[in-house]
Amino acid sequence: MTETRDTFALIGAGPMGLAAAKVLTEQGIAFQGFDLHSDVGGLWDIDAPRSTMYESAHLISSKRMTEFTDFPMKDAVAEYPSHSAMRDYFRDFADHYGLRDKYLFNAEVTQISPLGKSGDGWRVSWRDQDGEHEAEFAGVLIANGTLSEPNMPAFPGTFDGELIHASQYRYPCQFDGKRVLVVGAGNSGCDIAVDAIHHAQCCDLSMRRGYYFVPKYVFGKPADTMGSKIRLPMWLKRKVDRLILSWFVGDPQKYGFPKPDYKLYESHPIVNSLVLYHAGHGDLRIQPDIERLEGKTVHFKDGSREDYDMILAATGYKLHYPFIDKGLLNWQGDAPHLYLNAMHPERDDLFVLGMIEATGLGWQGRHEQAEMVARYIKGLQHDCPVASELTAQKQQAYGRATGGMNYLNLARMAYYVDKATYRKAVTGWIARLRKATG
């Protein structure tokens, strides 16, 4: 490795890392990429060491609402691509922009620590097939993803059957002949339950709360392309969208699903029609939250109980940055508290990329986040007054860009933002930095 003191370390070669690599290259910022896997793609490569993909996984958003604007997916790719199609897309992206040579692959970053105050740089340690290494870098960009560390609940009691997290699920044959309980009705939980229905002896779905279900198609078009036609205030959008859902989804409560105790869009909706289809056909039973486990018996909070051979916890993931002390990330509650979910309030040489979720944000919204950060770094290098203004802005008190939305107080919603509010702020900074630095 060449001299790195004026180089940034970029951790991750998934889609967010690749977006960052692209814009850093465009802005002329020297960087060295690191990734644990032997290739790009992150979790979308099912063979990656920490991939949480399963064989039937597909995008829950349509390709045109998800792709990078300047690198559209091929027409031959399905409207809702599979994980393997997405892996190939990100590999093509890396090849198109010449990003592979920017990375050390099979390299696990084990620790990053500051060399001093902001601007003094960071020491990065990593291991690969040749052993342990460390080097000093001008700064660090963390883009290792948000969906690799399982959030496994501690169920009261003991279970004598098979208890796994969704991250350990790969193939439907894992359910063959078993009595299965899927815990958690998020998008992955519902997808996996549909898989289990076709292979298990029986399948139940345990839910703590109700969800809003959104079909993948409305009037023959991907549902997420419909909302972009007309911009409506949230109170009216909710009214219109609930009417549309009543036409295309009906009332999930009649199949046993609990009624949501929050407003539409205050949590991520479930993009899945098949789970409702199977519940309506009696293939899937809805169960309440778990009270305790005993042998192979699950006791539910409504007093009922059932026997199962397997419990699969589709209970989501936790933010996980094991190579850096939490205090260095301004961690508050369930997530780091960063300006526009990316920029540290006090340090100008540490960034977290991709720690963001928003309905309809797509990869382009994340690309914009990376571009804002890259242009900010370039602005600092050129003593740009707009970059100095951004530095001052992120040092002040700030909240998440929620647009006034009252998101549920859940760990998975801790870094959720309103798409329009967020993109307006980010693209505003991009425009000003571009004008100031070229």
Protein backbone atom coordinates (compact mmCIF):
# COMPACT_ATOMS: atom_id res chain seq x y z
CA MET A 1 0.00 0.00 0.00
CA THR A 2 1.26 3.49 -0.85
CA GLU A 3 1.39 6.46 1.53
CA THR A 4 -2.08 6.98 3.03
CA ARG A 5 -1.76 10.04 5.26
CA ASP A 6 -3.65 12.23 2.74
CA THR A 7 -6.06 9.44 1.80
CA PHE A 8 -9.51 8.61 3.18
CA ALA A 9 -10.41 5.09 4.25
CA LEU A 10 -13.75 3.86 2.85
CA ILE A 11 -15.21 0.83 4.62
CA GLY A 12 -17.61 -1.24 2.53
CA ALA A 13 -18.12 -2.20 -1.12
CA GLY A 14 -21.87 -2.63 -1.01
CA PRO A 15 -24.12 -0.23 -2.94
CA MET A 16 -23.53 2.63 -0.50
CA GLY A 17 -19.77 2.14 -0.51
CA LEU A 18 -19.76 1.96 -4.30
CA ALA A 19 -21.76 5.19 -4.57
CA ALA A 20 -19.24 6.84 -2.27
CA ALA A 21 -16.31 5.45 -4.26
CA LYS A 22 -17.81 6.86 -7.46
CA VAL A 23 -18.34 10.40 -6.15
CA LEU A 24 -15.01 10.50 -4.31
CA THR A 25 -13.32 9.58 -7.59
CA GLU A 26 -15.29 12.25 -9.45
CA GLN A 27 -14.29 14.88 -6.88
CA GLY A 28 -10.63 13.90 -7.04
CA ILE A 29 -10.46 12.76 -3.41
CA ALA A 30 -7.89 10.06 -2.71
CA PHE A 31 -9.29 7.04 -0.86
CA GLN A 32 -8.62 3.41 -0.11
CA GLY A 33 -11.56 1.02 0.01
CA PHE A 34 -11.85 -2.04 2.25
CA ASP A 35 -14.32 -4.91 2.10
CA LEU A 36 -14.63 -8.18 3.96
CA HIS A 37 -15.83 -10.08 0.86
CA SER A 38 -13.91 -11.06 -2.27
CA ASP A 39 -16.13 -8.92 -4.51
CA VAL A 40 -18.47 -5.94 -4.52
CA GLY A 41 -22.19 -6.02 -3.78
CA GLY A 42 -22.40 -6.20 -0.01
CA LEU A 43 -25.36 -8.12 1.38
CA TRP A 44 -26.84 -8.45 -2.12
CA ASP A 45 -24.23 -11.11 -2.83
CA ILE A 46 -25.70 -14.11 -1.05
CA ASP A 47 -22.21 -15.66 -0.86
CA ALA A 48 -20.74 -12.71 1.05
CA PRO A 49 -19.63 -13.58 4.62
CA ARG A 50 -22.27 -11.41 6.30
CA SER A 51 -24.99 -11.46 3.69
CA THR A 52 -28.46 -11.85 5.13
CA MET A 53 -30.08 -12.68 1.78
CA TYR A 54 -32.34 -15.68 1.25
CA GLU A 55 -32.90 -17.43 -2.05
CA SER A 56 -36.34 -15.96 -2.75
CA ALA A 57 -35.43 -12.37 -1.79
CA HIS A 58 -36.40 -9.57 -4.18
CA LEU A 59 -36.44 -5.80 -4.00
CA ILE A 60 -39.59 -4.45 -2.37
CA SER A 61 -39.30 -1.28 -4.45
CA SER A 62 -39.39 -1.23 -8.24
CA LYS A 63 -36.18 -0.97 -10.22
CA ARG A 64 -36.93 2.46 -11.72
CA MET A 65 -37.57 3.92 -8.26
CA THR A 66 -34.46 2.26 -6.81
CA GLU A 67 -31.68 2.50 -9.42
CA PHE A 68 -28.93 5.10 -9.64
CA THR A 69 -30.11 7.85 -12.02
CA ASP A 70 -26.93 7.83 -14.10
CA PHE A 71 -26.72 4.04 -14.21
CA PRO A 72 -30.19 2.62 -14.96
CA MET A 73 -30.88 -1.09 -14.73
CA LYS A 74 -31.16 -2.97 -17.99
CA ASP A 75 -34.59 -3.28 -19.56
CA ALA A 76 -34.33 -7.06 -19.32
CA VAL A 77 -34.16 -6.87 -15.50
CA ALA A 78 -37.50 -7.60 -13.82
CA GLU A 79 -39.48 -4.72 -12.32
CA TYR A 80 -38.81 -6.17 -8.88
CA PRO A 81 -35.31 -7.64 -9.26
CA SER A 82 -34.03 -10.68 -7.42
CA HIS A 83 -31.02 -10.50 -5.10
CA SER A 84 -28.84 -12.06 -7.81
CA ALA A 85 -29.96 -9.45 -10.36
CA MET A 86 -29.09 -6.73 -7.85
CA ARG A 87 -25.69 -8.31 -7.22
CA ASP A 88 -25.00 -8.27 -10.95
CA TYR A 89 -26.18 -4.66 -11.17
CA PHE A 90 -23.74 -3.51 -8.52
CA ARG A 91 -20.92 -5.50 -10.11
CA ASP A 92 -21.68 -3.81 -13.44
CA PHE A 93 -21.74 -0.44 -11.67
CA ALA A 94 -18.29 -1.09 -10.19
CA ASP A 95 -16.91 -2.16 -13.56
CA HIS A 96 -18.46 0.80 -15.41
CA TYR A 97 -16.89 3.34 -13.08
CA GLY A 98 -13.62 1.47 -12.57
CA LEU A 99 -14.06 1.03 -8.82
CA ARG A 100 -12.69 -2.46 -8.17
CA ASP A 101 -9.07 -1.30 -8.20
CA LYS A 102 -9.90 1.16 -5.43
CA TYR A 103 -10.55 -1.65 -2.95
CA LEU A 104 -8.68 -4.16 -0.86
CA PHE A 105 -10.92 -7.25 -0.83
CA ASN A 106 -10.97 -10.01 1.78
CA ALA A 107 -9.87 -7.26 4.17
CA GLU A 108 -11.69 -6.93 7.48
CA VAL A 109 -11.35 -3.59 9.25
CA THR A 110 -10.89 -4.41 12.94
CA GLN A 111 -10.39 -1.00 14.54
CA ILE A 112 -10.36 2.68 13.74
CA SER A 113 -9.18 5.22 16.26
CA PRO A 114 -8.59 8.99 16.08
CA LEU A 115 -5.04 10.31 16.05
CA GLY A 116 -6.17 13.44 17.85
CA LYS A 117 -8.71 16.19 17.32
CA SER A 118 -10.78 16.72 14.18
CA GLY A 119 -8.56 16.92 11.13
CA ASP A 120 -5.67 15.02 12.70
CA GLY A 121 -6.70 11.80 10.97
CA TRP A 122 -7.36 8.21 11.96
CA ARG A 123 -5.45 4.99 12.49
CA VAL A 124 -7.11 2.08 10.66
CA SER A 125 -6.31 -1.55 11.47
CA TRP A 126 -7.35 -4.48 9.29
CA ARG A 127 -6.58 -8.12 8.67
CA ASP A 128 -6.37 -10.07 5.43
CA GLN A 129 -4.80 -13.29 4.17
CA ASP A 130 -1.35 -11.79 4.76
CA GLY A 131 -1.97 -10.94 8.41
CA GLU A 132 -2.57 -7.79 10.47
CA HIS A 133 -2.00 -4.28 9.14
CA GLU A 134 -2.48 -0.67 10.14
CA ALA A 135 -2.05 2.72 8.51
CA GLU A 136 -2.85 6.36 9.14
CA PHE A 137 -5.54 8.04 7.04
CA ALA A 138 -6.82 11.59 6.66
CA GLY A 139 -10.34 10.48 7.51
CA VAL A 140 -12.80 7.60 7.49
CA LEU A 141 -16.07 6.98 5.67
CA ILE A 142 -18.07 4.10 7.16
CA ALA A 143 -20.39 2.40 4.65
CA ASN A 144 -20.64 -1.16 5.92
CA GLY A 145 -24.44 -1.34 5.81
CA THR A 146 -27.26 -1.55 8.33
CA LEU A 147 -28.64 -5.07 7.83
CA SER A 148 -25.98 -7.52 8.98
CA GLU A 149 -26.22 -7.67 12.79
CA PRO A 150 -29.28 -9.70 13.89
CA ASN A 151 -31.61 -8.20 16.46
CA MET A 152 -32.45 -11.42 18.28
CA PRO A 153 -35.04 -11.08 21.06
CA ALA A 154 -34.67 -12.90 24.36
CA PHE A 155 -37.83 -14.99 24.63
CA PRO A 156 -38.82 -16.00 28.17
CA GLY A 157 -38.48 -19.73 28.79
CA THR A 158 -36.71 -22.38 26.74
CA PHE A 159 -37.51 -23.89 23.36
CA ASP A 160 -36.61 -27.49 22.53
CA GLY A 161 -37.06 -27.07 18.80
CA GLU A 162 -35.00 -25.09 16.29
CA LEU A 163 -34.75 -21.36 17.03
CA ILE A 164 -33.10 -19.22 14.35
CA HIS A 165 -32.95 -15.61 13.21
CA ALA A 166 -33.98 -14.64 9.67
CA SER A 167 -30.30 -13.97 8.94
CA GLN A 168 -29.75 -17.75 9.17
CA TYR A 169 -32.44 -18.51 6.60
CA ARG A 170 -31.34 -19.27 3.04
CA TYR A 171 -33.51 -21.92 1.40
CA PRO A 172 -37.18 -22.96 1.73
CA CYS A 173 -36.14 -26.59 2.25
CA GLN A 174 -35.15 -25.56 5.78
CA PHE A 175 -38.90 -25.69 6.53
CA ASP A 176 -39.62 -29.12 5.04
CA GLY A 177 -42.16 -31.00 7.14
CA LYS A 178 -41.89 -28.69 10.16
CA ARG A 179 -44.43 -26.79 12.20
CA VAL A 180 -43.12 -23.24 11.81
CA LEU A 181 -43.74 -20.02 13.68
CA VAL A 182 -42.40 -16.84 12.07
CA VAL A 183 -42.05 -14.03 14.60
CA GLY A 184 -42.23 -10.55 13.13
CA ALA A 185 -44.30 -9.36 10.19
CA GLY A 186 -41.92 -6.92 8.55
CA ASN A 187 -41.14 -7.25 4.88
CA SER A 188 -38.67 -10.10 5.38
CA GLY A 189 -40.94 -11.88 7.87
CA CYS A 190 -43.84 -11.84 5.43
CA ASP A 191 -41.65 -12.98 2.53
CA ILE A 192 -40.26 -15.85 4.58
CA ALA A 193 -43.70 -16.85 5.86
CA VAL A 194 -44.87 -17.17 2.24
CA ASP A 195 -41.88 -19.46 1.56
CA ALA A 196 -42.69 -21.55 4.63
CA ILE A 197 -46.32 -22.01 3.61
CA HIS A 198 -45.22 -24.06 0.60
CA HIS A 199 -42.75 -26.27 2.47
CA ALA A 200 -43.70 -26.50 6.12
CA GLN A 201 -46.30 -28.78 7.65
CA CYS A 202 -47.96 -25.57 8.84
CA CYS A 203 -46.96 -21.95 9.30
CA ASP A 204 -48.13 -19.28 11.75
CA LEU A 205 -47.10 -15.63 11.95
CA SER A 206 -46.72 -13.93 15.34
CA MET A 207 -47.21 -10.15 15.39
CA ARG A 208 -46.80 -7.56 18.13
CA ARG A 209 -48.54 -4.79 16.18
CA GLY A 210 -50.51 -4.18 13.04
CA TYR A 211 -49.07 -3.05 9.72
CA TYR A 212 -50.24 -1.31 6.59
CA PHE A 213 -49.96 -3.60 3.58
CA VAL A 214 -49.15 -2.20 0.14
CA PRO A 215 -49.51 -4.20 -3.08
CA LYS A 216 -46.60 -4.29 -5.50
CA TYR A 217 -48.88 -3.35 -8.39
CA VAL A 218 -51.64 -0.77 -8.66
CA PHE A 219 -53.55 -0.48 -11.95
CA GLY A 220 -50.92 -2.74 -13.52
CA LYS A 221 -47.99 -0.49 -12.57
CA PRO A 222 -45.48 -0.76 -9.71
CA ALA A 223 -47.20 0.87 -6.76
CA ASP A 224 -44.23 3.02 -5.81
CA THR A 225 -44.28 4.75 -9.20
CA MET A 226 -47.80 6.06 -8.64
CA GLY A 227 -47.13 8.37 -5.74
CA SER A 228 -44.49 10.33 -7.64
CA LYS A 229 -46.98 11.62 -10.21
CA ILE A 230 -48.58 14.22 -7.96
CA ARG A 231 -47.15 15.85 -4.83
CA LEU A 232 -49.72 16.07 -2.05
CA PRO A 233 -49.56 17.34 1.54
CA MET A 234 -49.20 14.42 3.96
CA TRP A 235 -52.72 14.70 5.42
CA LEU A 236 -54.21 14.42 1.94
CA LYS A 237 -51.72 11.80 0.74
CA ARG A 238 -52.69 9.59 3.68
CA LYS A 239 -56.36 9.97 2.82
CA VAL A 240 -55.87 9.16 -0.85
CA ASP A 241 -53.47 6.27 -0.23
CA ARG A 242 -55.71 4.69 2.41
CA LEU A 243 -58.56 4.78 -0.09
CA ILE A 244 -56.37 3.10 -2.72
CA LEU A 245 -55.26 0.48 -0.20
CA SER A 246 -58.88 -0.25 0.66
CA TRP A 247 -59.53 -0.96 -3.03
CA PHE A 248 -56.48 -3.15 -3.66
CA VAL A 249 -55.78 -4.68 -0.24
CA GLY A 250 -59.11 -4.61 1.57
CA ASP A 251 -59.22 -5.01 5.33
CA PRO A 252 -56.38 -7.19 6.68
CA GLN A 253 -58.17 -7.39 10.04
CA LYS A 254 -60.70 -9.80 8.60
CA TYR A 255 -57.85 -12.30 8.12
CA GLY A 256 -56.76 -11.93 11.74
CA PHE A 257 -54.13 -9.22 11.34
CA PRO A 258 -54.14 -6.66 14.19
CA LYS A 259 -55.16 -3.11 13.39
CA PRO A 260 -52.25 -0.63 13.24
CA ASP A 261 -52.17 1.71 16.23
CA TYR A 262 -50.37 4.43 14.28
CA LYS A 263 -50.93 6.47 11.13
CA LEU A 264 -49.94 5.42 7.63
CA TYR A 265 -46.22 6.16 6.93
CA GLU A 266 -45.28 6.46 10.62
CA SER A 267 -43.63 3.07 10.12
CA HIS A 268 -42.38 1.26 7.04
CA PRO A 269 -45.33 -0.31 5.18
CA ILE A 270 -45.27 -3.98 4.19
CA VAL A 271 -45.00 -4.44 0.43
CA ASN A 272 -46.51 -7.89 0.13
CA SER A 273 -49.87 -9.06 -1.20
CA LEU A 274 -49.20 -12.80 -1.02
CA VAL A 275 -49.23 -12.95 2.76
CA LEU A 276 -52.78 -11.57 2.72
CA TYR A 277 -53.72 -14.00 -0.05
CA HIS A 278 -52.54 -16.98 1.97
CA ALA A 279 -54.11 -15.73 5.20
CA GLY A 280 -57.38 -15.39 3.32
CA HIS A 281 -57.05 -18.97 2.09
CA GLY A 282 -56.34 -20.33 5.55
CA ASP A 283 -52.75 -21.28 4.68
CA LEU A 284 -51.38 -18.90 7.30
CA ARG A 285 -52.64 -18.24 10.82
CA ILE A 286 -51.96 -14.98 12.61
CA GLN A 287 -50.90 -15.28 16.23
CA PRO A 288 -50.38 -12.60 18.90
CA ASP A 289 -47.10 -11.77 20.64
CA ILE A 290 -45.23 -14.50 22.54
CA GLU A 291 -45.65 -14.76 26.30
CA ARG A 292 -43.14 -17.58 26.90
CA LEU A 293 -41.61 -20.76 25.51
CA GLU A 294 -41.87 -24.19 27.10
CA GLY A 295 -40.43 -27.26 25.38
CA LYS A 296 -41.91 -27.12 21.90
CA THR A 297 -44.94 -25.18 23.10
CA VAL A 298 -45.32 -21.45 22.53
CA HIS A 299 -47.60 -19.63 24.94
CA PHE A 300 -49.11 -16.49 23.44
CA LYS A 301 -50.19 -13.35 25.27
CA ASP A 302 -53.88 -13.98 24.60
CA GLY A 303 -53.67 -17.22 26.63
CA SER A 304 -53.57 -19.57 23.66
CA ARG A 305 -50.74 -21.97 22.90
CA GLU A 306 -49.42 -24.02 19.99
CA ASP A 307 -46.63 -26.53 19.36
CA TYR A 308 -43.87 -25.85 16.82
CA ASP A 309 -40.69 -27.48 15.55
CA MET A 310 -39.08 -24.24 14.41
CA ILE A 311 -39.27 -20.60 15.43
CA LEU A 312 -37.80 -18.11 12.98
CA ALA A 313 -37.31 -14.63 14.40
CA ALA A 314 -37.72 -12.07 11.62
CA THR A 315 -37.05 -9.33 14.13
CA GLY A 316 -34.76 -7.11 12.12
CA TYR A 317 -31.23 -5.88 12.54
CA LYS A 318 -29.20 -3.53 14.71
CA LEU A 319 -26.76 -0.88 13.59
CA HIS A 320 -23.34 -2.42 14.01
CA TYR A 321 -20.01 -0.63 13.74
CA PRO A 322 -17.81 -3.03 15.74
CA PHE A 323 -14.52 -1.41 14.75
CA ILE A 324 -15.20 1.98 16.40
CA ASP A 325 -16.13 3.05 19.90
CA LYS A 326 -19.78 4.14 20.12
CA GLY A 327 -18.82 7.38 21.84
CA LEU A 328 -16.84 8.45 18.79
CA LEU A 329 -20.01 8.24 16.68
CA ASN A 330 -22.10 10.54 18.90
CA TRP A 331 -24.38 7.58 19.59
CA GLN A 332 -27.73 8.54 21.13
CA GLY A 333 -30.38 5.92 21.85
CA ASP A 334 -30.51 3.36 19.05
CA ALA A 335 -28.34 5.17 16.49
CA PRO A 336 -25.55 7.71 16.02
CA HIS A 337 -26.91 11.27 16.03
CA LEU A 338 -25.38 12.80 12.91
CA TYR A 339 -26.25 15.81 10.78
CA LEU A 340 -28.35 14.58 7.86
CA ASN A 341 -27.62 11.05 9.12
CA ALA A 342 -24.04 11.26 7.85
CA MET A 343 -21.95 14.05 9.31
CA HIS A 344 -20.42 14.11 12.80
CA PRO A 345 -21.17 17.35 14.65
CA GLU A 346 -17.60 17.85 15.90
CA ARG A 347 -15.35 15.90 13.56
CA ASP A 348 -14.81 16.86 9.94
CA ASP A 349 -12.94 13.65 9.15
CA LEU A 350 -15.52 10.99 10.10
CA PHE A 351 -18.67 10.13 8.15
CA VAL A 352 -21.28 7.39 8.22
CA LEU A 353 -22.90 6.64 4.87
CA GLY A 354 -26.07 4.66 4.28
CA MET A 355 -27.43 4.95 7.82
CA ILE A 356 -30.69 6.16 6.39
CA GLU A 357 -34.12 4.81 5.54
CA ALA A 358 -37.04 6.55 3.89
CA THR A 359 -39.98 5.35 1.86
CA GLY A 360 -39.03 5.77 -1.79
CA LEU A 361 -35.49 7.09 -1.20
CA GLY A 362 -33.87 4.51 -3.49
CA TRP A 363 -30.18 4.29 -4.27
CA GLN A 364 -30.24 7.72 -5.87
CA GLY A 365 -31.11 9.35 -2.55
CA ARG A 366 -28.18 7.54 -0.97
CA HIS A 367 -25.94 8.57 -3.88
CA GLU A 368 -26.87 12.17 -3.11
CA GLN A 369 -25.85 11.68 0.51
CA ALA A 370 -22.45 10.42 -0.63
CA GLU A 371 -22.09 13.30 -3.10
CA MET A 372 -22.84 15.86 -0.39
CA VAL A 373 -20.12 14.35 1.81
CA ALA A 374 -17.58 14.13 -1.03
CA ARG A 375 -18.20 17.73 -2.08
CA TYR A 376 -17.92 18.82 1.55
CA ILE A 377 -14.52 17.12 1.87
CA LYS A 378 -13.40 18.78 -1.36
CA GLY A 379 -14.69 22.12 -0.08
CA LEU A 380 -12.68 21.77 3.13
CA GLN A 381 -9.58 20.96 1.11
CA HIS A 382 -10.05 24.17 -0.90
CA ASP A 383 -11.08 26.43 2.03
CA CYS A 384 -14.53 26.84 0.51
CA PRO A 385 -16.77 29.23 2.51
CA VAL A 386 -19.84 27.04 1.88
CA ALA A 387 -18.01 24.07 3.41
CA SER A 388 -17.18 26.26 6.40
CA GLU A 389 -20.86 27.19 6.66
CA LEU A 390 -21.80 23.50 6.60
CA THR A 391 -19.26 22.84 9.33
CA ALA A 392 -20.88 25.52 11.49
CA GLN A 393 -24.36 24.19 10.69
CA LYS A 394 -23.62 20.62 11.80
CA GLN A 395 -22.11 21.87 15.06
CA GLN A 396 -25.43 23.42 16.06
CA ALA A 397 -28.38 21.56 17.58
CA TYR A 398 -30.27 19.63 14.91
CA GLY A 399 -32.90 16.96 14.58
CA ARG A 400 -33.55 14.27 12.01
CA ALA A 401 -35.10 15.36 8.74
CA THR A 402 -38.50 13.87 9.55
CA GLY A 403 -40.60 16.59 7.96
CA GLY A 404 -42.74 16.61 11.10
CA MET A 405 -43.58 12.91 10.83
CA ASN A 406 -44.01 11.12 14.17
CA TYR A 407 -42.22 7.87 13.42
CA LEU A 408 -42.65 4.97 15.82
CA ASN A 409 -40.12 4.88 18.61
CA LEU A 410 -38.42 1.69 17.44
CA ALA A 411 -34.76 0.86 16.88
CA ARG A 412 -35.36 0.26 13.16
CA MET A 413 -36.99 3.68 12.84
CA ALA A 414 -34.19 5.52 14.68
CA TYR A 415 -32.60 6.67 11.42
CA TYR A 416 -35.79 7.00 9.34
CA VAL A 417 -36.34 10.31 7.53
CA ASP A 418 -38.91 11.91 5.29
CA LYS A 419 -37.75 11.54 1.70
CA ALA A 420 -38.76 14.99 0.44
CA THR A 421 -37.41 16.84 3.47
CA TYR A 422 -34.15 14.94 3.43
CA ARG A 423 -33.47 15.21 -0.28
CA LYS A 424 -34.27 18.93 -0.29
CA ALA A 425 -31.65 19.54 2.42
CA VAL A 426 -29.01 17.32 0.83
CA THR A 427 -29.43 18.53 -2.74
CA GLY A 428 -29.45 22.11 -1.44
CA TRP A 429 -25.98 21.64 0.02
CA ILE A 430 -24.80 19.84 -3.13
CA ALA A 431 -25.92 22.74 -5.32
CA ARG A 432 -24.20 25.33 -3.15
CA LEU A 433 -20.99 23.33 -2.84
CA ARG A 434 -20.94 22.65 -6.58
CA LYS A 435 -21.33 26.34 -7.35
CA ALA A 436 -18.55 27.26 -4.92
CA THR A 437 -16.01 24.59 -5.89
CA GLY A 438 -16.95 23.53 -9.42
